[in-house]
Amino acid sequence: MTPLLAWSIAGTLALYALAMAIGLARLMRGPSAQDRVLALDFIYVVGMLMMLALAVLYDSRMYFEGALLMVLFGFVGSVAMAKFLLRGEAIE
């Protein structure tokens, strides 16, 4: 791995951490439940992107599998939360 790529990935991870902190602030401060759910979706997408950047940095397939699992569980959780907010029950 070239030093330019390593520095680029380090900068990307720092910016992703900043984005995650901003999303966490919205999650804590959100005026409505819908804002909080959207912030949580944003946080898990940024977490997935961080795992993909780490997979490139460490040249490991485990991070790719972890990112896939994170997105799958995040999507299912988002659908369940949206259904709960619309109807008041998550499981029919």
N, C-alpha and C. Protein backbone atom coordinates (compact mmCIF):
# COMPACT_ATOMS: atom_id res chain seq x y z
N MET A 1 0.84 -1.17 0.00
CA MET A 1 0.00 0.00 0.00
C MET A 1 0.89 1.24 0.00
N THR A 2 0.54 2.16 -0.83
CA THR A 2 1.33 3.38 -0.94
C THR A 2 1.02 4.31 0.24
N PRO A 3 1.97 5.15 0.58
CA PRO A 3 1.72 6.10 1.69
C PRO A 3 0.57 7.06 1.38
N LEU A 4 0.40 7.42 0.11
CA LEU A 4 -0.70 8.32 -0.25
C LEU A 4 -2.05 7.67 0.04
N LEU A 5 -2.17 6.38 -0.28
CA LEU A 5 -3.41 5.68 0.00
C LEU A 5 -3.66 5.56 1.50
N ALA A 6 -2.62 5.28 2.25
CA ALA A 6 -2.76 5.16 3.71
C ALA A 6 -3.20 6.49 4.32
N TRP A 7 -2.61 7.59 3.88
CA TRP A 7 -3.00 8.90 4.40
C TRP A 7 -4.41 9.27 3.97
N SER A 8 -4.77 8.89 2.75
CA SER A 8 -6.13 9.18 2.27
C SER A 8 -7.16 8.42 3.09
N ILE A 9 -6.88 7.18 3.39
CA ILE A 9 -7.82 6.39 4.18
C ILE A 9 -7.90 6.94 5.60
N ALA A 10 -6.78 7.35 6.16
CA ALA A 10 -6.79 7.94 7.51
C ALA A 10 -7.63 9.23 7.53
N GLY A 11 -7.48 10.06 6.52
CA GLY A 11 -8.29 11.28 6.43
C GLY A 11 -9.76 10.97 6.25
N THR A 12 -10.05 9.95 5.44
CA THR A 12 -11.43 9.54 5.23
C THR A 12 -12.05 9.04 6.53
N LEU A 13 -11.30 8.24 7.28
CA LEU A 13 -11.82 7.75 8.55
C LEU A 13 -12.06 8.88 9.54
N ALA A 14 -11.20 9.88 9.53
CA ALA A 14 -11.40 11.03 10.43
C ALA A 14 -12.67 11.79 10.05
N LEU A 15 -12.89 11.98 8.76
CA LEU A 15 -14.10 12.68 8.32
C LEU A 15 -15.36 11.85 8.60
N TYR A 16 -15.25 10.53 8.46
CA TYR A 16 -16.38 9.67 8.81
C TYR A 16 -16.69 9.75 10.30
N ALA A 17 -15.66 9.83 11.13
CA ALA A 17 -15.88 9.96 12.58
C ALA A 17 -16.57 11.29 12.89
N LEU A 18 -16.19 12.35 12.18
CA LEU A 18 -16.85 13.64 12.36
C LEU A 18 -18.31 13.56 11.94
N ALA A 19 -18.57 12.91 10.81
CA ALA A 19 -19.95 12.74 10.35
C ALA A 19 -20.77 11.93 11.34
N MET A 20 -20.15 10.91 11.93
CA MET A 20 -20.85 10.09 12.91
C MET A 20 -21.15 10.91 14.17
N ALA A 21 -20.26 11.78 14.57
CA ALA A 21 -20.51 12.63 15.74
C ALA A 21 -21.66 13.60 15.47
N ILE A 22 -21.72 14.14 14.27
CA ILE A 22 -22.82 15.03 13.91
C ILE A 22 -24.14 14.26 13.90
N GLY A 23 -24.12 13.05 13.37
CA GLY A 23 -25.32 12.21 13.38
C GLY A 23 -25.74 11.86 14.79
N LEU A 24 -24.78 11.61 15.67
CA LEU A 24 -25.08 11.30 17.06
C LEU A 24 -25.71 12.51 17.76
N ALA A 25 -25.24 13.71 17.43
CA ALA A 25 -25.84 14.92 17.99
C ALA A 25 -27.29 15.06 17.54
N ARG A 26 -27.57 14.74 16.28
CA ARG A 26 -28.95 14.80 15.80
C ARG A 26 -29.79 13.71 16.45
N LEU A 27 -29.20 12.56 16.68
CA LEU A 27 -29.92 11.47 17.33
C LEU A 27 -30.34 11.87 18.74
N MET A 28 -29.47 12.53 19.47
CA MET A 28 -29.78 12.93 20.83
C MET A 28 -30.73 14.12 20.89
N ARG A 29 -30.65 15.02 19.93
CA ARG A 29 -31.38 16.28 19.98
C ARG A 29 -32.62 16.30 19.12
N GLY A 30 -32.80 15.32 18.25
CA GLY A 30 -33.89 15.33 17.28
C GLY A 30 -35.24 15.66 17.88
N PRO A 31 -35.98 16.57 17.27
CA PRO A 31 -37.25 16.96 17.87
C PRO A 31 -38.34 15.89 17.75
N SER A 32 -38.25 15.03 16.78
CA SER A 32 -39.29 14.00 16.62
C SER A 32 -38.64 12.62 16.50
N ALA A 33 -39.48 11.61 16.62
CA ALA A 33 -38.98 10.23 16.52
C ALA A 33 -38.49 9.94 15.11
N GLN A 34 -39.11 10.53 14.11
CA GLN A 34 -38.69 10.31 12.73
C GLN A 34 -37.27 10.85 12.49
N ASP A 35 -36.97 12.00 13.09
CA ASP A 35 -35.61 12.55 12.98
C ASP A 35 -34.59 11.63 13.63
N ARG A 36 -34.96 11.05 14.74
CA ARG A 36 -34.04 10.16 15.43
C ARG A 36 -33.81 8.87 14.64
N VAL A 37 -34.85 8.35 14.02
CA VAL A 37 -34.70 7.14 13.20
C VAL A 37 -33.82 7.43 11.99
N LEU A 38 -34.01 8.58 11.37
CA LEU A 38 -33.18 8.95 10.23
C LEU A 38 -31.73 9.14 10.64
N ALA A 39 -31.49 9.72 11.81
CA ALA A 39 -30.12 9.88 12.30
C ALA A 39 -29.49 8.53 12.59
N LEU A 40 -30.26 7.60 13.11
CA LEU A 40 -29.73 6.27 13.37
C LEU A 40 -29.39 5.56 12.07
N ASP A 41 -30.22 5.72 11.05
CA ASP A 41 -29.90 5.17 9.73
C ASP A 41 -28.60 5.76 9.18
N PHE A 42 -28.45 7.06 9.34
CA PHE A 42 -27.24 7.73 8.88
C PHE A 42 -26.01 7.19 9.61
N ILE A 43 -26.13 6.97 10.92
CA ILE A 43 -25.00 6.50 11.71
C ILE A 43 -24.59 5.10 11.27
N TYR A 44 -25.56 4.21 11.03
CA TYR A 44 -25.13 2.87 10.64
C TYR A 44 -24.59 2.84 9.21
N VAL A 45 -25.04 3.72 8.34
CA VAL A 45 -24.45 3.79 6.99
C VAL A 45 -23.02 4.30 7.06
N VAL A 46 -22.78 5.31 7.88
CA VAL A 46 -21.41 5.81 8.04
C VAL A 46 -20.53 4.76 8.70
N GLY A 47 -21.07 4.01 9.64
CA GLY A 47 -20.31 2.92 10.25
C GLY A 47 -19.94 1.86 9.22
N MET A 48 -20.86 1.57 8.31
CA MET A 48 -20.56 0.62 7.24
C MET A 48 -19.45 1.16 6.34
N LEU A 49 -19.51 2.44 6.03
CA LEU A 49 -18.46 3.03 5.20
C LEU A 49 -17.11 3.00 5.90
N MET A 50 -17.12 3.19 7.22
CA MET A 50 -15.87 3.10 7.98
C MET A 50 -15.30 1.68 7.92
N MET A 51 -16.18 0.70 8.02
CA MET A 51 -15.70 -0.69 7.95
C MET A 51 -15.13 -1.00 6.57
N LEU A 52 -15.74 -0.46 5.53
CA LEU A 52 -15.20 -0.68 4.18
C LEU A 52 -13.84 -0.01 4.00
N ALA A 53 -13.69 1.19 4.57
CA ALA A 53 -12.39 1.85 4.49
C ALA A 53 -11.33 1.07 5.27
N LEU A 54 -11.71 0.51 6.41
CA LEU A 54 -10.77 -0.32 7.17
C LEU A 54 -10.44 -1.60 6.42
N ALA A 55 -11.40 -2.14 5.67
CA ALA A 55 -11.13 -3.35 4.88
C ALA A 55 -10.08 -3.07 3.81
N VAL A 56 -10.14 -1.91 3.22
CA VAL A 56 -9.13 -1.55 2.22
C VAL A 56 -7.79 -1.30 2.90
N LEU A 57 -7.81 -0.65 4.05
CA LEU A 57 -6.57 -0.33 4.76
C LEU A 57 -5.84 -1.59 5.21
N TYR A 58 -6.56 -2.53 5.81
CA TYR A 58 -5.94 -3.74 6.35
C TYR A 58 -5.97 -4.92 5.39
N ASP A 59 -6.56 -4.74 4.22
CA ASP A 59 -6.65 -5.79 3.21
C ASP A 59 -7.24 -7.08 3.81
N SER A 60 -8.42 -6.92 4.42
CA SER A 60 -9.07 -8.02 5.12
C SER A 60 -10.50 -8.17 4.63
N ARG A 61 -10.91 -9.41 4.40
CA ARG A 61 -12.28 -9.68 3.96
C ARG A 61 -13.27 -9.68 5.13
N MET A 62 -12.78 -9.82 6.33
CA MET A 62 -13.67 -9.85 7.49
C MET A 62 -14.45 -8.55 7.64
N TYR A 63 -13.82 -7.43 7.32
CA TYR A 63 -14.50 -6.16 7.42
C TYR A 63 -15.63 -6.06 6.39
N PHE A 64 -15.43 -6.63 5.20
CA PHE A 64 -16.49 -6.62 4.20
C PHE A 64 -17.71 -7.40 4.68
N GLU A 65 -17.46 -8.55 5.30
CA GLU A 65 -18.56 -9.36 5.82
C GLU A 65 -19.26 -8.64 6.96
N GLY A 66 -18.50 -8.00 7.82
CA GLY A 66 -19.09 -7.23 8.91
C GLY A 66 -19.93 -6.07 8.40
N ALA A 67 -19.45 -5.40 7.35
CA ALA A 67 -20.21 -4.29 6.77
C ALA A 67 -21.52 -4.79 6.17
N LEU A 68 -21.48 -5.94 5.52
CA LEU A 68 -22.70 -6.51 4.95
C LEU A 68 -23.71 -6.85 6.04
N LEU A 69 -23.25 -7.46 7.11
CA LEU A 69 -24.14 -7.78 8.22
C LEU A 69 -24.70 -6.52 8.88
N MET A 70 -23.87 -5.51 9.00
CA MET A 70 -24.32 -4.26 9.60
C MET A 70 -25.45 -3.63 8.78
N VAL A 71 -25.29 -3.63 7.47
CA VAL A 71 -26.31 -3.04 6.62
C VAL A 71 -27.59 -3.87 6.64
N LEU A 72 -27.47 -5.19 6.65
CA LEU A 72 -28.67 -6.02 6.69
C LEU A 72 -29.45 -5.81 7.98
N PHE A 73 -28.78 -5.84 9.11
CA PHE A 73 -29.46 -5.63 10.38
C PHE A 73 -29.99 -4.19 10.50
N GLY A 74 -29.26 -3.24 9.98
CA GLY A 74 -29.73 -1.85 10.01
C GLY A 74 -30.97 -1.65 9.18
N PHE A 75 -31.03 -2.29 8.02
CA PHE A 75 -32.21 -2.17 7.17
C PHE A 75 -33.43 -2.79 7.85
N VAL A 76 -33.26 -3.97 8.41
CA VAL A 76 -34.37 -4.63 9.09
C VAL A 76 -34.83 -3.80 10.28
N GLY A 77 -33.90 -3.24 11.02
CA GLY A 77 -34.25 -2.39 12.15
C GLY A 77 -34.97 -1.12 11.72
N SER A 78 -34.55 -0.54 10.61
CA SER A 78 -35.21 0.67 10.10
C SER A 78 -36.63 0.38 9.65
N VAL A 79 -36.81 -0.74 8.98
CA VAL A 79 -38.16 -1.11 8.54
C VAL A 79 -39.07 -1.37 9.74
N ALA A 80 -38.56 -2.06 10.74
CA ALA A 80 -39.35 -2.32 11.94
C ALA A 80 -39.70 -1.03 12.67
N MET A 81 -38.74 -0.12 12.77
CA MET A 81 -39.01 1.14 13.45
C MET A 81 -40.01 2.00 12.67
N ALA A 82 -39.88 2.03 11.35
CA ALA A 82 -40.83 2.79 10.55
C ALA A 82 -42.24 2.21 10.67
N LYS A 83 -42.33 0.90 10.67
CA LYS A 83 -43.63 0.26 10.82
C LYS A 83 -44.21 0.56 12.20
N PHE A 84 -43.38 0.56 13.21
CA PHE A 84 -43.85 0.87 14.55
C PHE A 84 -44.33 2.32 14.64
N LEU A 85 -43.61 3.24 14.02
CA LEU A 85 -44.01 4.65 14.08
C LEU A 85 -45.30 4.90 13.30
N LEU A 86 -45.53 4.14 12.24
CA LEU A 86 -46.75 4.33 11.45
C LEU A 86 -47.97 3.70 12.10
N ARG A 87 -47.82 2.47 12.58
CA ARG A 87 -48.97 1.70 13.05
C ARG A 87 -49.04 1.48 14.55
N GLY A 88 -47.95 1.67 15.23
CA GLY A 88 -47.95 1.46 16.67
C GLY A 88 -47.58 0.04 17.06
N GLU A 89 -47.33 -0.83 16.11
CA GLU A 89 -46.90 -2.19 16.40
C GLU A 89 -45.90 -2.61 15.33
N ALA A 90 -44.90 -3.36 15.74
CA ALA A 90 -43.85 -3.77 14.80
C ALA A 90 -44.12 -5.14 14.21
N ILE A 91 -44.78 -6.00 14.97
CA ILE A 91 -45.04 -7.36 14.51
C ILE A 91 -46.53 -7.57 14.39
N GLU A 92 -46.96 -8.04 13.24
CA GLU A 92 -48.40 -8.28 13.04
C GLU A 92 -48.77 -9.69 13.39
